[in-house]
Amino acid sequence: MRMYDLIMKKRNGEELSKEEMHWMIQNYVKGEIPDYQMSAFLMAVYFRGMTEAETLTMTLEVAHSGDMVDLSGIEGIKVDKHSTGGVGDKTTLIVAPIVAACGVKVAKMSGRGLGHTGGTVDKLESIPNMRMKIEREEFFSIVNRIGLSVVGQSGNLAPADKKLYALRDVTATVDSIPLIAVSIMSKKLAAGSDCILLDVKTGSGAFMKTLEDSVALAKEMVSIGEQAGKRTVALITDMDLPLGQNIGNSLEVIEAVQTLRGEGPSDLTELCLCLSADMLYLAGKGSPESCRTLAEQSIESGEALRRLAAMVEAQGGDASVIWNPEKFAKAAYQREVLAPREGFVTKMNSEGIGIAACLLGAGRETVDGTIDYRAGMVLKKKTGDYVREGEVLAVLYASHPELFASAEKKYLDSVAIEEKKAKELPLIYARVTKEGTLFY
């Protein structure tokens, strides 16, 4: 078998066999296929696409290129959630405790943030002494006792994906729907959960900017999950404006706690209840409607918040900040951003606002970059709100005052204020299952 022939086959729009895909991925991981040939293959996929069978086969091969996590040591059904990334997206910190409080296990491996989107590991590491690297036996023990544990990705999980993504990043092939599906689902399958809920973001702050592309990606991923024997559902959710009000690591943990107290922003609360309901539904806890009721009850009773505090304590973190979020270390400086004119907030470019938070120190631009856990912003006005000239739009937080000027400019450039109120956008656009797509 020759890589040259596989490149030509895909260039001509033909389908690769299971044997050919296996040979290609195995030999690429071994270093026997050079990057320039794999780059040519990825570009051929970008223009020619892949069949459903090819996408599934490639996903399974990438998943099996390294460790496959065996979660059989954890009792009961395990459910995982994946978000395609967004600004202010702290949903894992809320839905994992809710689902655990309802009797379903969440054994989750999460990543760090890069660029304008935050990472769950970074948010949790803003909790003093919180350990995100935990050995397998302790990880299993925590999940069995408490119902959940969220840790950093470890081990040799899907090494083929790491190599392929690095190559896609420098060859303009990142935004290929089948290749995105392979990348996400290979890691989810390798992580070992029984059920997978996908939160596919769409809009200015999302990777997929259009609803059409978001639905296409969701369909690909649901198909892969179901064919791999995992119950899988995807929700298409809005990222044309940030989720909730707090952006930045410790600020987002604080907002997660507020939400678990029943005091969170309406958009964040609603999305988390929907995500939790579908996770419970996938685990066999009832209909989506009855599962939503269970999720609501876990907040009302305080059990979901207790689960979060218990997980933090089990992983060495200072759980007192969960019960008393005002104990979080605060940024040394803050600045109010004032409305330059009167009118309605008609647009918020989420990506631009996420970049503004990064300029304050809340994000990293390189994998080995450092972040300031205290930095970020709190949004006082969002799309649809009326503001008067000079009224506070947002409050910025940073450890160095010289960071404010560029962040404030980026924020203001990302917000539009006009005379007429803009049309309200839905929070959830669609639900994708193996049966089809339901648009709301």
Protein backbone atom coordinates (compact mmCIF):
# COMPACT_ATOMS: atom_id res chain seq x y z
CA MET A 1 0.00 0.00 0.00
CA ARG A 2 1.27 3.50 -0.88
CA MET A 3 0.20 6.86 0.53
CA TYR A 4 0.50 8.28 -2.98
CA ASP A 5 -2.34 6.03 -4.14
CA LEU A 6 -4.59 6.97 -1.21
CA ILE A 7 -4.05 10.67 -1.87
CA MET A 8 -4.94 10.21 -5.53
CA LYS A 9 -7.99 8.11 -4.63
CA LYS A 10 -9.36 10.80 -2.33
CA ARG A 11 -8.41 13.56 -4.79
CA ASN A 12 -10.60 11.80 -7.34
CA GLY A 13 -13.52 11.62 -4.92
CA GLU A 14 -13.31 7.89 -4.25
CA GLU A 15 -13.94 6.16 -0.92
CA LEU A 16 -11.10 4.68 1.14
CA SER A 17 -11.64 1.20 2.55
CA LYS A 18 -11.34 0.32 6.25
CA GLU A 19 -8.02 -1.38 5.53
CA GLU A 20 -6.65 1.69 3.74
CA MET A 21 -7.75 4.05 6.53
CA HIS A 22 -6.24 1.76 9.18
CA TRP A 23 -2.94 1.57 7.31
CA MET A 24 -2.80 5.34 6.83
CA ILE A 25 -3.52 6.35 10.45
CA GLN A 26 -1.29 3.66 11.96
CA ASN A 27 1.66 4.56 9.77
CA TYR A 28 1.20 8.29 10.23
CA VAL A 29 1.34 7.91 14.00
CA LYS A 30 4.48 5.78 13.64
CA GLY A 31 6.09 8.57 11.61
CA GLU A 32 6.32 6.48 8.44
CA ILE A 33 4.08 8.83 6.43
CA PRO A 34 5.58 12.33 6.10
CA ASP A 35 3.59 15.46 6.97
CA TYR A 36 3.64 16.70 3.37
CA GLN A 37 1.76 13.62 2.17
CA MET A 38 -0.77 13.74 5.01
CA SER A 39 -1.25 17.45 4.29
CA ALA A 40 -2.11 16.57 0.70
CA PHE A 41 -4.63 13.99 1.91
CA LEU A 42 -6.25 16.47 4.32
CA MET A 43 -6.58 19.05 1.55
CA ALA A 44 -8.19 16.41 -0.67
CA VAL A 45 -10.69 15.71 2.14
CA TYR A 46 -11.32 19.44 2.51
CA PHE A 47 -12.43 19.68 -1.14
CA ARG A 48 -13.88 16.19 -1.68
CA GLY A 49 -15.29 15.42 1.77
CA MET A 50 -15.70 11.92 3.18
CA THR A 51 -18.55 9.44 3.14
CA GLU A 52 -20.35 8.54 6.38
CA ALA A 53 -18.53 5.19 6.40
CA GLU A 54 -15.13 6.85 5.88
CA THR A 55 -15.75 9.39 8.64
CA LEU A 56 -16.75 6.66 11.10
CA THR A 57 -13.75 4.51 10.17
CA MET A 58 -11.30 7.40 10.47
CA THR A 59 -12.80 8.40 13.85
CA LEU A 60 -12.42 4.86 15.22
CA GLU A 61 -8.86 4.58 13.92
CA VAL A 62 -7.88 7.92 15.48
CA ALA A 63 -9.58 6.96 18.77
CA HIS A 64 -7.72 3.63 18.87
CA SER A 65 -4.36 5.22 18.00
CA GLY A 66 -3.66 5.55 21.73
CA ASP A 67 -5.22 4.70 25.09
CA MET A 68 -8.90 3.75 25.25
CA VAL A 69 -10.15 4.64 28.72
CA ASP A 70 -11.96 1.79 30.45
CA LEU A 71 -14.56 3.22 32.85
CA SER A 72 -15.96 -0.19 33.88
CA GLY A 73 -14.55 0.43 37.36
CA ILE A 74 -17.21 3.13 37.80
CA GLU A 75 -20.67 1.87 38.74
CA GLY A 76 -23.68 2.66 36.58
CA ILE A 77 -24.12 4.58 33.33
CA LYS A 78 -21.54 7.26 32.56
CA VAL A 79 -22.54 10.29 30.50
CA ASP A 80 -20.21 12.87 28.92
CA LYS A 81 -20.82 16.37 27.52
CA HIS A 82 -18.77 18.21 24.94
CA SER A 83 -19.06 21.86 23.94
CA THR A 84 -17.50 23.09 20.72
CA GLY A 85 -16.35 26.16 22.66
CA GLY A 86 -17.62 29.62 23.41
CA VAL A 87 -17.25 32.78 25.47
CA GLY A 88 -18.51 32.59 29.05
CA ASP A 89 -19.31 28.88 28.63
CA LYS A 90 -19.05 27.49 32.14
CA THR A 91 -21.81 24.90 31.65
CA THR A 92 -19.72 21.87 32.70
CA LEU A 93 -19.32 23.36 36.19
CA ILE A 94 -23.12 23.45 36.46
CA VAL A 95 -24.48 20.47 34.53
CA ALA A 96 -22.02 17.88 35.88
CA PRO A 97 -23.11 18.48 39.53
CA ILE A 98 -26.79 18.57 38.49
CA VAL A 99 -26.53 15.25 36.64
CA ALA A 100 -24.56 13.66 39.50
CA ALA A 101 -27.19 14.87 41.99
CA CYS A 102 -29.80 13.04 39.90
CA GLY A 103 -27.96 9.72 40.15
CA VAL A 104 -25.96 9.59 36.89
CA LYS A 105 -22.17 9.41 36.86
CA VAL A 106 -20.03 12.04 35.13
CA ALA A 107 -16.37 11.05 34.69
CA LYS A 108 -15.10 13.90 32.55
CA MET A 109 -11.75 14.78 31.03
CA SER A 110 -11.58 18.43 29.98
CA GLY A 111 -9.09 20.70 28.27
CA ARG A 112 -7.52 24.10 28.71
CA GLY A 113 -8.54 27.25 26.89
CA LEU A 114 -6.72 28.67 23.89
CA GLY A 115 -7.48 31.97 22.21
CA HIS A 116 -10.87 33.59 22.87
CA THR A 117 -12.59 30.48 24.29
CA GLY A 118 -12.04 29.40 27.88
CA GLY A 119 -11.20 25.93 29.17
CA THR A 120 -12.89 24.05 32.01
CA VAL A 121 -9.54 23.00 33.50
CA ASP A 122 -8.43 26.64 33.76
CA LYS A 123 -11.67 27.62 35.47
CA LEU A 124 -11.38 24.86 38.05
CA GLU A 125 -7.70 25.63 38.65
CA SER A 126 -8.73 29.11 39.79
CA ILE A 127 -9.97 27.33 42.94
CA PRO A 128 -7.08 27.34 45.44
CA ASN A 129 -5.19 24.00 45.62
CA MET A 130 -7.53 22.29 43.13
CA ARG A 131 -5.89 19.20 41.62
CA MET A 132 -6.70 18.48 37.97
CA LYS A 133 -4.17 15.65 37.53
CA ILE A 134 -5.46 12.57 39.33
CA GLU A 135 -4.46 8.93 39.05
CA ARG A 136 -7.02 6.54 37.61
CA GLU A 137 -7.87 4.69 40.86
CA GLU A 138 -8.53 7.93 42.75
CA PHE A 139 -10.52 9.32 39.79
CA PHE A 140 -12.75 6.24 39.83
CA SER A 141 -13.13 6.41 43.60
CA ILE A 142 -14.24 10.06 43.50
CA VAL A 143 -16.82 9.37 40.79
CA ASN A 144 -18.18 6.32 42.63
CA ARG A 145 -18.48 8.26 45.93
CA ILE A 146 -19.63 11.67 44.73
CA GLY A 147 -21.02 11.02 41.27
CA LEU A 148 -18.64 13.23 39.36
CA SER A 149 -15.04 14.20 38.78
CA VAL A 150 -13.64 16.61 36.22
CA VAL A 151 -9.93 16.24 35.48
CA GLY A 152 -7.43 17.36 32.86
CA GLN A 153 -6.81 15.16 29.84
CA SER A 154 -3.98 12.78 30.56
CA GLY A 155 -2.25 9.75 29.13
CA ASN A 156 -1.88 8.94 25.48
CA LEU A 157 -5.41 9.83 24.38
CA ALA A 158 -5.93 9.89 20.58
CA PRO A 159 -2.32 10.80 19.64
CA ALA A 160 -3.26 10.71 15.95
CA ASP A 161 -5.65 13.61 16.58
CA LYS A 162 -2.90 15.71 18.15
CA LYS A 163 -0.70 15.22 15.08
CA LEU A 164 -3.54 15.75 12.60
CA TYR A 165 -4.82 18.88 14.33
CA ALA A 166 -1.37 20.47 14.41
CA LEU A 167 -1.12 19.79 10.68
CA ARG A 168 -4.61 21.09 9.91
CA ASP A 169 -3.83 24.24 11.87
CA VAL A 170 -1.01 25.21 9.47
CA THR A 171 -2.51 23.92 6.20
CA ALA A 172 -5.86 25.79 6.19
CA THR A 173 -7.87 22.57 6.66
CA VAL A 174 -9.22 23.19 10.17
CA ASP A 175 -12.74 24.10 9.03
CA SER A 176 -13.57 20.82 7.31
CA ILE A 177 -16.76 19.38 8.84
CA PRO A 178 -15.80 15.69 8.57
CA LEU A 179 -12.31 16.41 9.98
CA ILE A 180 -13.80 18.41 12.88
CA ALA A 181 -16.18 15.52 13.59
CA VAL A 182 -13.29 13.04 13.55
CA SER A 183 -11.26 15.21 15.94
CA ILE A 184 -14.03 15.73 18.50
CA MET A 185 -15.58 12.27 18.43
CA SER A 186 -12.30 10.34 18.47
CA LYS A 187 -11.51 11.91 21.86
CA LYS A 188 -15.05 11.37 23.15
CA LEU A 189 -14.99 7.68 22.16
CA ALA A 190 -11.53 7.22 23.68
CA ALA A 191 -12.76 8.79 26.94
CA GLY A 192 -15.02 5.79 27.57
CA SER A 193 -18.45 7.15 28.58
CA ASP A 194 -21.66 5.31 27.62
CA CYS A 195 -23.59 8.37 26.40
CA ILE A 196 -22.51 11.65 24.80
CA LEU A 197 -24.31 15.00 24.73
CA LEU A 198 -22.89 17.52 22.26
CA ASP A 199 -23.36 21.26 22.69
CA VAL A 200 -22.63 22.61 19.21
CA LYS A 201 -22.26 26.39 19.31
CA THR A 202 -23.24 28.62 16.41
CA GLY A 203 -22.66 32.34 15.82
CA SER A 204 -19.96 35.01 16.07
CA GLY A 205 -18.20 33.50 19.08
CA ALA A 206 -18.37 29.92 17.85
CA PHE A 207 -16.13 27.87 15.62
CA MET A 208 -19.10 27.23 13.32
CA LYS A 209 -20.41 30.65 12.31
CA THR A 210 -23.58 29.55 10.48
CA LEU A 211 -26.55 27.47 11.57
CA GLU A 212 -26.27 25.35 8.42
CA ASP A 213 -22.68 24.33 9.19
CA SER A 214 -23.48 23.76 12.87
CA VAL A 215 -26.33 21.38 12.01
CA ALA A 216 -24.16 19.55 9.46
CA LEU A 217 -21.42 19.05 12.08
CA ALA A 218 -23.94 17.91 14.70
CA LYS A 219 -25.42 15.34 12.30
CA GLU A 220 -21.95 13.96 11.51
CA MET A 221 -21.07 13.62 15.19
CA VAL A 222 -24.39 12.08 16.26
CA SER A 223 -24.08 9.54 13.44
CA ILE A 224 -20.55 8.62 14.54
CA GLY A 225 -21.56 8.27 18.18
CA GLU A 226 -24.60 6.12 17.47
CA GLN A 227 -22.73 3.85 15.05
CA ALA A 228 -19.99 3.44 17.65
CA GLY A 229 -22.58 2.19 20.15
CA LYS A 230 -22.92 5.38 22.21
CA ARG A 231 -26.29 7.05 22.74
CA THR A 232 -25.68 10.53 21.33
CA VAL A 233 -27.70 13.75 21.09
CA ALA A 234 -26.62 17.24 19.98
CA LEU A 235 -28.10 20.64 20.78
CA ILE A 236 -27.35 23.60 18.50
CA THR A 237 -26.99 26.58 20.85
CA ASP A 238 -26.37 30.28 20.38
CA MET A 239 -22.96 31.90 20.67
CA ASP A 240 -23.79 35.22 19.00
CA LEU A 241 -23.47 36.72 22.46
CA PRO A 242 -21.54 35.50 25.50
CA LEU A 243 -23.22 33.01 27.82
CA GLY A 244 -24.15 34.51 31.16
CA GLN A 245 -22.54 37.69 32.45
CA ASN A 246 -19.11 36.66 33.79
CA ILE A 247 -16.11 36.03 31.53
CA GLY A 248 -12.83 34.93 33.09
CA ASN A 249 -11.82 31.94 35.16
CA SER A 250 -12.64 32.63 38.82
CA LEU A 251 -15.46 34.95 37.72
CA GLU A 252 -17.05 32.06 35.83
CA VAL A 253 -16.76 29.70 38.82
CA ILE A 254 -18.56 32.35 40.89
CA GLU A 255 -21.35 32.55 38.31
CA ALA A 256 -21.60 28.75 38.20
CA VAL A 257 -22.11 28.73 41.97
CA GLN A 258 -24.75 31.45 41.67
CA THR A 259 -26.56 29.35 39.07
CA LEU A 260 -26.48 26.24 41.26
CA ARG A 261 -28.00 28.40 44.01
CA GLY A 262 -30.85 29.28 41.66
CA GLU A 263 -29.57 32.85 41.29
CA GLY A 264 -27.82 32.68 37.91
CA PRO A 265 -28.55 34.62 34.70
CA SER A 266 -31.63 33.39 32.85
CA ASP A 267 -29.81 32.36 29.65
CA LEU A 268 -27.15 30.34 31.46
CA THR A 269 -29.71 28.72 33.76
CA GLU A 270 -32.00 27.75 30.89
CA LEU A 271 -29.22 26.26 28.78
CA CYS A 272 -27.84 24.26 31.71
CA LEU A 273 -31.28 22.84 32.51
CA CYS A 274 -31.72 21.81 28.87
CA LEU A 275 -28.26 20.21 28.71
CA SER A 276 -28.78 18.43 32.03
CA ALA A 277 -32.20 17.14 30.95
CA ASP A 278 -30.76 15.59 27.79
CA MET A 279 -27.84 14.04 29.67
CA LEU A 280 -30.27 12.43 32.11
CA TYR A 281 -32.49 11.34 29.21
CA LEU A 282 -29.54 9.65 27.49
CA ALA A 283 -28.77 7.82 30.73
CA GLY A 284 -32.33 6.43 30.84
CA LYS A 285 -33.76 8.61 33.62
CA GLY A 286 -36.99 9.35 31.74
CA SER A 287 -38.34 11.69 29.09
CA PRO A 288 -36.56 15.00 28.43
CA GLU A 289 -39.47 16.75 30.18
CA SER A 290 -39.35 14.64 33.35
CA CYS A 291 -35.55 14.85 33.36
CA ARG A 292 -35.75 18.64 33.30
CA THR A 293 -37.92 18.47 36.40
CA LEU A 294 -35.27 16.32 38.11
CA ALA A 295 -32.61 18.87 37.17
CA GLU A 296 -34.67 21.76 38.56
CA GLN A 297 -35.27 19.85 41.80
CA SER A 298 -31.53 19.22 42.25
CA ILE A 299 -30.95 22.98 42.26
CA GLU A 300 -33.92 23.76 44.50
CA SER A 301 -32.84 21.17 47.08
CA GLY A 302 -29.23 22.39 47.09
CA GLU A 303 -27.97 18.90 46.25
CA ALA A 304 -26.29 19.96 42.98
CA LEU A 305 -24.26 22.65 44.78
CA ARG A 306 -23.30 20.14 47.48
CA ARG A 307 -21.98 17.79 44.77
CA LEU A 308 -19.79 20.52 43.29
CA ALA A 309 -18.36 21.38 46.72
CA ALA A 310 -17.76 17.68 47.45
CA MET A 311 -15.88 17.21 44.16
CA VAL A 312 -13.72 20.27 44.85
CA GLU A 313 -12.88 19.00 48.33
CA ALA A 314 -12.13 15.47 47.05
CA GLN A 315 -9.68 16.92 44.52
CA GLY A 316 -7.83 18.93 47.16
CA GLY A 317 -9.48 22.26 46.40
CA ASP A 318 -10.63 24.84 48.93
CA ALA A 319 -14.37 24.14 49.01
CA SER A 320 -14.97 27.23 51.17
CA VAL A 321 -14.90 29.35 47.99
CA ILE A 322 -17.85 27.34 46.69
CA TRP A 323 -19.89 28.10 49.80
CA ASN A 324 -18.54 31.66 50.00
CA PRO A 325 -17.46 32.83 46.50
CA GLU A 326 -16.49 36.26 47.86
CA LYS A 327 -13.37 34.50 49.22
CA PHE A 328 -11.94 34.21 45.68
CA ALA A 329 -8.89 36.43 45.18
CA LYS A 330 -9.88 39.61 43.36
CA ALA A 331 -8.04 41.50 40.63
CA ALA A 332 -6.10 44.51 41.85
CA TYR A 333 -7.74 46.91 39.39
CA GLN A 334 -11.14 47.36 37.78
CA ARG A 335 -12.56 49.74 35.21
CA GLU A 336 -16.13 50.50 34.17
CA VAL A 337 -16.84 50.68 30.44
CA LEU A 338 -19.47 53.36 29.78
CA ALA A 339 -21.98 53.49 26.94
CA PRO A 340 -20.85 56.05 24.34
CA ARG A 341 -24.45 56.71 23.28
CA GLU A 342 -28.07 56.02 24.17
CA GLY A 343 -30.06 53.19 22.60
CA PHE A 344 -30.51 49.44 22.47
CA VAL A 345 -27.62 46.99 22.50
CA THR A 346 -28.29 45.34 19.14
CA LYS A 347 -25.19 43.19 18.69
CA MET A 348 -22.34 41.68 20.69
CA ASN A 349 -19.53 40.04 18.77
CA SER A 350 -18.70 37.19 21.15
CA GLU A 351 -15.31 36.49 19.61
CA GLY A 352 -14.28 40.13 20.00
CA ILE A 353 -15.46 40.20 23.61
CA GLY A 354 -13.57 36.97 24.29
CA ILE A 355 -10.43 38.54 22.83
CA ALA A 356 -10.96 41.58 25.08
CA ALA A 357 -11.00 39.24 28.10
CA CYS A 358 -7.76 37.67 26.85
CA LEU A 359 -6.18 41.13 26.62
CA LEU A 360 -6.97 41.54 30.32
CA GLY A 361 -5.02 38.34 31.05
CA ALA A 362 -7.93 35.85 31.24
CA GLY A 363 -6.81 33.73 28.28
CA ARG A 364 -3.72 32.39 26.58
CA GLU A 365 -2.61 32.72 22.96
CA THR A 366 -0.14 29.83 23.03
CA VAL A 367 -0.42 26.38 24.61
CA ASP A 368 2.30 27.14 27.16
CA GLY A 369 1.07 30.67 27.89
CA THR A 370 0.07 31.79 31.38
CA ILE A 371 -3.27 33.19 32.49
CA ASP A 372 -4.45 35.43 35.30
CA TYR A 373 -7.29 33.57 37.08
CA ARG A 374 -8.65 36.84 38.52
CA ALA A 375 -8.84 38.73 35.21
CA GLY A 376 -11.94 39.09 33.05
CA MET A 377 -15.13 41.07 32.85
CA VAL A 378 -18.70 41.20 34.08
CA LEU A 379 -21.27 42.22 31.48
CA LYS A 380 -23.89 44.63 32.83
CA LYS A 381 -25.79 44.96 29.55
CA LYS A 382 -26.41 42.43 26.78
CA THR A 383 -28.18 42.31 23.43
CA GLY A 384 -31.73 43.62 23.76
CA ASP A 385 -31.02 45.85 26.78
CA TYR A 386 -31.61 49.62 26.67
CA VAL A 387 -28.75 51.84 27.84
CA ARG A 388 -28.36 55.54 28.45
CA GLU A 389 -25.22 57.44 27.50
CA GLY A 390 -22.66 57.06 30.29
CA GLU A 391 -24.36 53.98 31.77
CA VAL A 392 -22.11 51.03 32.67
CA LEU A 393 -21.92 48.39 29.92
CA ALA A 394 -19.31 46.16 31.58
CA VAL A 395 -16.75 46.08 34.37
CA LEU A 396 -13.22 45.00 33.45
CA TYR A 397 -10.82 43.31 35.91
CA ALA A 398 -7.02 43.10 35.56
CA SER A 399 -3.85 42.88 37.64
CA HIS A 400 -2.16 45.67 35.65
CA PRO A 401 -3.95 48.95 34.79
CA GLU A 402 -2.11 49.33 31.48
CA LEU A 403 -4.11 46.38 30.11
CA PHE A 404 -7.40 48.29 30.22
CA ALA A 405 -7.00 50.57 27.19
CA SER A 406 -6.67 47.88 24.50
CA ALA A 407 -9.27 45.63 26.16
CA GLU A 408 -11.81 48.46 26.46
CA LYS A 409 -11.33 49.42 22.81
CA LYS A 410 -11.77 45.82 21.69
CA TYR A 411 -14.89 45.47 23.82
CA LEU A 412 -16.49 48.68 22.50
CA ASP A 413 -15.63 47.71 18.91
CA SER A 414 -17.53 44.45 19.55
CA VAL A 415 -20.77 46.06 20.78
CA ALA A 416 -23.35 47.91 18.68
CA ILE A 417 -25.84 50.41 20.18
CA GLU A 418 -28.68 51.57 17.91
CA GLU A 419 -32.07 53.29 18.12
CA LYS A 420 -34.17 50.23 17.27
CA LYS A 421 -34.23 47.01 19.26
CA ALA A 422 -32.83 44.00 17.40
CA LYS A 423 -34.77 40.80 16.84
CA GLU A 424 -34.29 38.38 19.73
CA LEU A 425 -32.34 35.26 18.80
CA PRO A 426 -33.18 31.81 20.18
CA LEU A 427 -30.96 30.26 22.84
CA ILE A 428 -31.37 26.79 21.34
CA TYR A 429 -31.84 26.47 17.59
CA ALA A 430 -32.21 22.73 17.12
CA ARG A 431 -31.92 19.25 18.65
CA VAL A 432 -30.23 16.55 16.57
CA THR A 433 -30.80 12.85 17.29
CA LYS A 434 -30.43 9.66 15.27
CA GLU A 435 -34.10 10.10 14.31
CA GLY A 436 -33.53 13.52 12.75
CA THR A 437 -33.32 17.25 13.44
CA LEU A 438 -35.96 19.21 15.34
CA PHE A 439 -35.76 22.99 14.84
CA TYR A 440 -37.18 25.24 17.56
